[in-house]
C-alpha cells in the first residue's frame, strides 16, 4: 500500500524531485522495460548533466494520450529545457524525455489581427504551443502555430477502434471563420482523407 501511494505522488512531485536531483527515487518508479534500455548509471549521469544550473521546474501541461497513458511536461523557468514523462494508470513511468527547447518567437513576425478559435463549442487543444515539446508542428515554419483541435469524451477523441472518420467526435462538427472578412473563392468536392492518409492534391 505504501509503495502505491509513493508512486501516485510521483506525478505531482516529479519536477521537484528532479530539481533536487533525487534521481534514484525517480528511477525506482520507471518500468522494467525502461530499466532494460537505460541503466541506473546512465539515468543518473544524463539527468545530472541536464539539470545543471536548474533549481526549479514548473508543470506546464498534462494530458491523457490514451485512457491508460498520461503525459506530463515540466519546464525550467527560462523555458529552455523540458522534461516529458509518460505515466501508466499505475503511475509507473513508461517513457521519459529530456529535451532542450529551441524558440523562434523572437524572429517571428506577429499578425496585428485578432483571431478567435474556429469553433463554437468546447474543444480540446491536443497539440499547440510555442515550442516543439508542446507542439510537434513547431519546427515547420508554415505550421509553427498550428493547433490540433479534438473533441474528447471520457479522455478519448474517438469511439470504437478509431479507424473510420465517423468514429471521431469532431467529425462533422461545424467550424466558423476566425475573423471577419470577404470570401474571395471557395472550393468544394474535396473527399475526406482516410484515417492514416493525407490527400495532398489541390483542387
Protein backbone atom coordinates (compact mmCIF):
# COMPACT_ATOMS: atom_id res chain seq x y z
CA UNK A 1 0.00 0.00 0.00
CA UNK A 2 2.77 2.43 0.86
CA UNK A 3 4.55 1.67 -2.43
CA UNK A 4 1.40 2.52 -4.41
CA UNK A 5 0.95 5.79 -2.55
CA UNK A 6 4.57 6.73 -3.18
CA UNK A 7 4.24 6.18 -6.92
CA UNK A 8 0.95 8.06 -7.17
CA UNK A 9 2.63 11.12 -5.61
CA UNK A 10 5.43 10.95 -8.17
CA UNK A 11 3.08 12.55 -10.71
CA UNK A 12 2.87 15.67 -8.55
CA UNK A 13 6.38 15.61 -7.12
CA UNK A 14 8.41 14.73 -10.21
CA UNK A 15 9.54 18.28 -11.08
CA UNK A 16 10.61 18.99 -7.50
CA UNK A 17 12.43 15.66 -7.12
CA UNK A 18 14.27 16.16 -10.41
CA UNK A 19 15.36 19.70 -9.47
CA UNK A 20 16.60 18.34 -6.11
CA UNK A 21 18.50 15.61 -8.01
CA UNK A 22 16.69 12.80 -6.25
CA UNK A 23 17.20 10.76 -9.40
CA UNK A 24 17.42 7.38 -7.67
CA UNK A 25 13.89 7.78 -6.30
CA UNK A 26 12.62 8.64 -9.78
CA UNK A 27 14.41 5.66 -11.31
CA UNK A 28 12.68 3.39 -8.81
CA UNK A 29 9.39 4.42 -10.47
CA UNK A 30 10.27 3.54 -14.07
CA UNK A 31 9.04 0.40 -15.82
CA UNK A 32 11.08 -2.76 -16.20
CA UNK A 33 11.27 -2.17 -19.95
CA UNK A 34 12.69 1.32 -19.29
CA UNK A 35 15.32 -0.21 -16.99
CA UNK A 36 16.33 -2.70 -19.70
CA UNK A 37 17.01 0.17 -22.08
CA UNK A 38 18.52 2.69 -19.65
CA UNK A 39 20.69 1.64 -16.71
CA UNK A 40 20.62 3.43 -13.38
CA UNK A 41 24.11 4.82 -14.02
CA UNK A 42 23.09 6.19 -17.41
CA UNK A 43 19.97 7.72 -15.93
CA UNK A 44 21.94 9.38 -13.13
CA UNK A 45 24.59 10.78 -15.50
CA UNK A 46 22.18 12.13 -18.11
CA UNK A 47 19.79 13.60 -15.53
CA UNK A 48 22.59 15.35 -13.63
CA UNK A 49 24.01 16.79 -16.84
CA UNK A 50 20.58 18.04 -17.96
CA UNK A 51 19.83 19.53 -14.55
CA UNK A 52 22.95 21.69 -14.33
CA UNK A 53 22.11 25.24 -13.27
CA UNK A 54 18.43 24.47 -12.58
CA UNK A 55 16.64 24.80 -9.26
CA UNK A 56 13.01 24.62 -10.30
CA UNK A 57 10.72 23.04 -12.91
CA UNK A 58 7.12 24.10 -13.45
CA UNK A 59 4.42 21.73 -14.61
CA UNK A 60 3.42 23.14 -17.99
CA UNK A 61 0.73 20.68 -19.03
CA UNK A 62 -0.61 17.19 -18.62
CA UNK A 63 -2.98 15.27 -20.86
CA UNK A 64 -4.27 11.76 -21.43
CA UNK A 65 -2.77 10.36 -24.64
CA UNK A 66 -4.87 7.24 -24.10
CA UNK A 67 -7.14 6.21 -21.22
CA UNK A 68 -4.12 4.37 -19.75
CA UNK A 69 -1.26 6.78 -20.56
CA UNK A 70 -0.99 10.33 -19.22
CA UNK A 71 1.77 12.71 -20.30
CA UNK A 72 3.19 15.38 -18.00
CA UNK A 73 5.55 18.13 -19.23
CA UNK A 74 7.71 20.23 -16.91
CA UNK A 75 9.84 23.21 -17.99
CA UNK A 76 12.58 25.26 -16.39
CA UNK A 77 11.87 28.91 -15.62
CA UNK A 78 13.60 30.17 -18.80
CA UNK A 79 11.65 27.66 -20.90
CA UNK A 80 14.85 26.40 -22.48
CA UNK A 81 14.53 22.84 -21.16
CA UNK A 82 11.61 20.43 -20.98
CA UNK A 83 11.01 17.09 -19.31
CA UNK A 84 8.28 14.91 -20.80
CA UNK A 85 7.13 11.93 -18.73
CA UNK A 86 4.50 9.33 -19.61
CA UNK A 87 2.84 7.54 -16.71
CA UNK A 88 0.61 4.49 -16.99
CA UNK A 89 -2.55 4.00 -14.93
CA UNK A 90 -0.44 2.68 -12.03
CA UNK A 91 1.79 5.81 -12.05
CA UNK A 92 4.74 3.84 -13.40
CA UNK A 93 6.97 5.83 -15.74
CA UNK A 94 6.85 4.23 -19.18
CA UNK A 95 8.82 6.90 -21.05
CA UNK A 96 10.90 9.95 -20.13
CA UNK A 97 12.44 12.53 -22.47
CA UNK A 98 14.86 15.32 -21.51
CA UNK A 99 14.84 17.94 -24.26
CA UNK A 100 16.41 21.34 -24.91
CA UNK A 101 13.89 23.83 -26.33
CA UNK A 102 14.58 25.99 -29.36
CA UNK A 103 12.34 29.02 -29.75
CA UNK A 104 11.83 31.06 -32.90
CA UNK A 105 9.42 33.57 -31.36
CA UNK A 106 11.90 36.45 -31.37
CA UNK A 107 12.37 36.01 -35.12
CA UNK A 108 8.70 35.58 -35.96
CA UNK A 109 6.51 38.32 -37.34
CA UNK A 110 3.30 38.57 -35.38
CA UNK A 111 -0.01 39.45 -37.02
CA UNK A 112 -1.87 42.54 -35.83
CA UNK A 113 -5.20 40.79 -36.49
CA UNK A 114 -7.26 39.44 -33.60
CA UNK A 115 -8.48 35.92 -34.27
CA UNK A 116 -10.98 33.71 -32.48
CA UNK A 117 -10.97 29.92 -32.43
CA UNK A 118 -12.82 28.48 -35.48
CA UNK A 119 -15.28 26.58 -33.27
CA UNK A 120 -18.39 27.43 -31.28
CA UNK A 121 -18.35 24.73 -28.63
CA UNK A 122 -15.76 23.41 -26.17
CA UNK A 123 -12.91 21.52 -27.85
CA UNK A 124 -9.54 20.29 -26.62
CA UNK A 125 -6.15 21.55 -27.86
CA UNK A 126 -4.23 18.33 -28.37
CA UNK A 127 -1.11 19.94 -29.83
CA UNK A 128 -0.40 23.66 -29.73
CA UNK A 129 2.22 25.92 -28.20
CA UNK A 130 5.41 27.89 -28.70
CA UNK A 131 7.91 25.02 -28.67
CA UNK A 132 8.38 21.56 -30.14
CA UNK A 133 7.64 19.74 -26.88
CA UNK A 134 4.13 21.18 -26.68
CA UNK A 135 3.52 21.36 -30.42
CA UNK A 136 5.09 18.93 -32.88
CA UNK A 137 4.24 21.35 -35.74
CA UNK A 138 6.62 23.96 -34.34
CA UNK A 139 9.84 23.14 -36.28
CA UNK A 140 7.99 23.51 -39.63
CA UNK A 141 7.76 27.24 -40.33
CA UNK A 142 4.44 27.29 -42.18
CA UNK A 143 2.86 25.09 -39.49
CA UNK A 144 4.58 26.64 -36.49
CA UNK A 145 1.46 27.89 -34.76
CA UNK A 146 -0.95 25.25 -35.99
CA UNK A 147 -3.31 23.83 -33.38
CA UNK A 148 -4.71 20.31 -33.39
CA UNK A 149 -8.23 20.54 -32.01
CA UNK A 150 -10.25 17.49 -30.95
CA UNK A 151 -13.49 16.73 -29.16
CA UNK A 152 -12.96 14.38 -26.24
CA UNK A 153 -15.33 12.17 -24.31
CA UNK A 154 -14.10 10.02 -21.44
CA UNK A 155 -10.49 11.00 -22.24
CA UNK A 156 -10.72 9.80 -25.85
CA UNK A 157 -11.27 11.62 -29.14
CA UNK A 158 -12.99 8.68 -30.87
CA UNK A 159 -15.28 5.73 -30.30
CA UNK A 160 -14.95 2.12 -31.46
CA UNK A 161 -11.48 1.47 -32.92
CA UNK A 162 -10.98 4.92 -34.47
CA UNK A 163 -10.47 3.51 -37.96
CA UNK A 164 -13.32 5.46 -39.57
CA UNK A 165 -13.75 9.22 -39.87
CA UNK A 166 -17.20 8.86 -38.33
CA UNK A 167 -15.63 7.36 -35.18
CA UNK A 168 -14.15 10.75 -34.24
CA UNK A 169 -16.28 13.04 -32.12
CA UNK A 170 -15.03 16.10 -34.04
CA UNK A 171 -16.12 14.69 -37.40
CA UNK A 172 -18.97 16.66 -38.96
CA UNK A 173 -18.85 19.42 -36.34
CA UNK A 174 -19.40 22.99 -37.50
CA UNK A 175 -16.40 25.28 -37.95
CA UNK A 176 -16.57 29.05 -38.36
CA UNK A 177 -14.38 31.82 -39.73
CA UNK A 178 -11.85 33.02 -37.13
CA UNK A 179 -12.00 36.61 -38.42
CA UNK A 180 -14.45 38.79 -40.34
CA UNK A 181 -13.58 39.17 -43.99
CA UNK A 182 -14.64 38.76 -47.61
CA UNK A 183 -14.70 35.31 -49.21
CA UNK A 184 -12.67 35.53 -52.42
CA UNK A 185 -13.09 31.96 -53.58
CA UNK A 186 -14.42 28.64 -52.32
CA UNK A 187 -13.56 25.04 -53.20
CA UNK A 188 -15.90 22.08 -52.90
CA UNK A 189 -15.72 18.40 -53.77
CA UNK A 190 -12.59 17.50 -51.80
CA UNK A 191 -13.04 13.98 -50.47
CA UNK A 192 -12.35 13.29 -46.81
CA UNK A 193 -8.98 11.74 -46.02
CA UNK A 194 -8.97 8.13 -44.97
CA UNK A 195 -7.55 7.53 -41.49
CA UNK A 196 -3.76 7.42 -41.72
CA UNK A 197 -3.52 9.05 -45.16
CA UNK A 198 -3.09 12.64 -46.34
CA UNK A 199 -4.53 13.88 -49.61
CA UNK A 200 -2.01 16.39 -50.96
CA UNK A 201 -3.92 17.18 -54.16
CA UNK A 202 -5.18 20.75 -54.51
CA UNK A 203 -8.43 21.23 -56.40
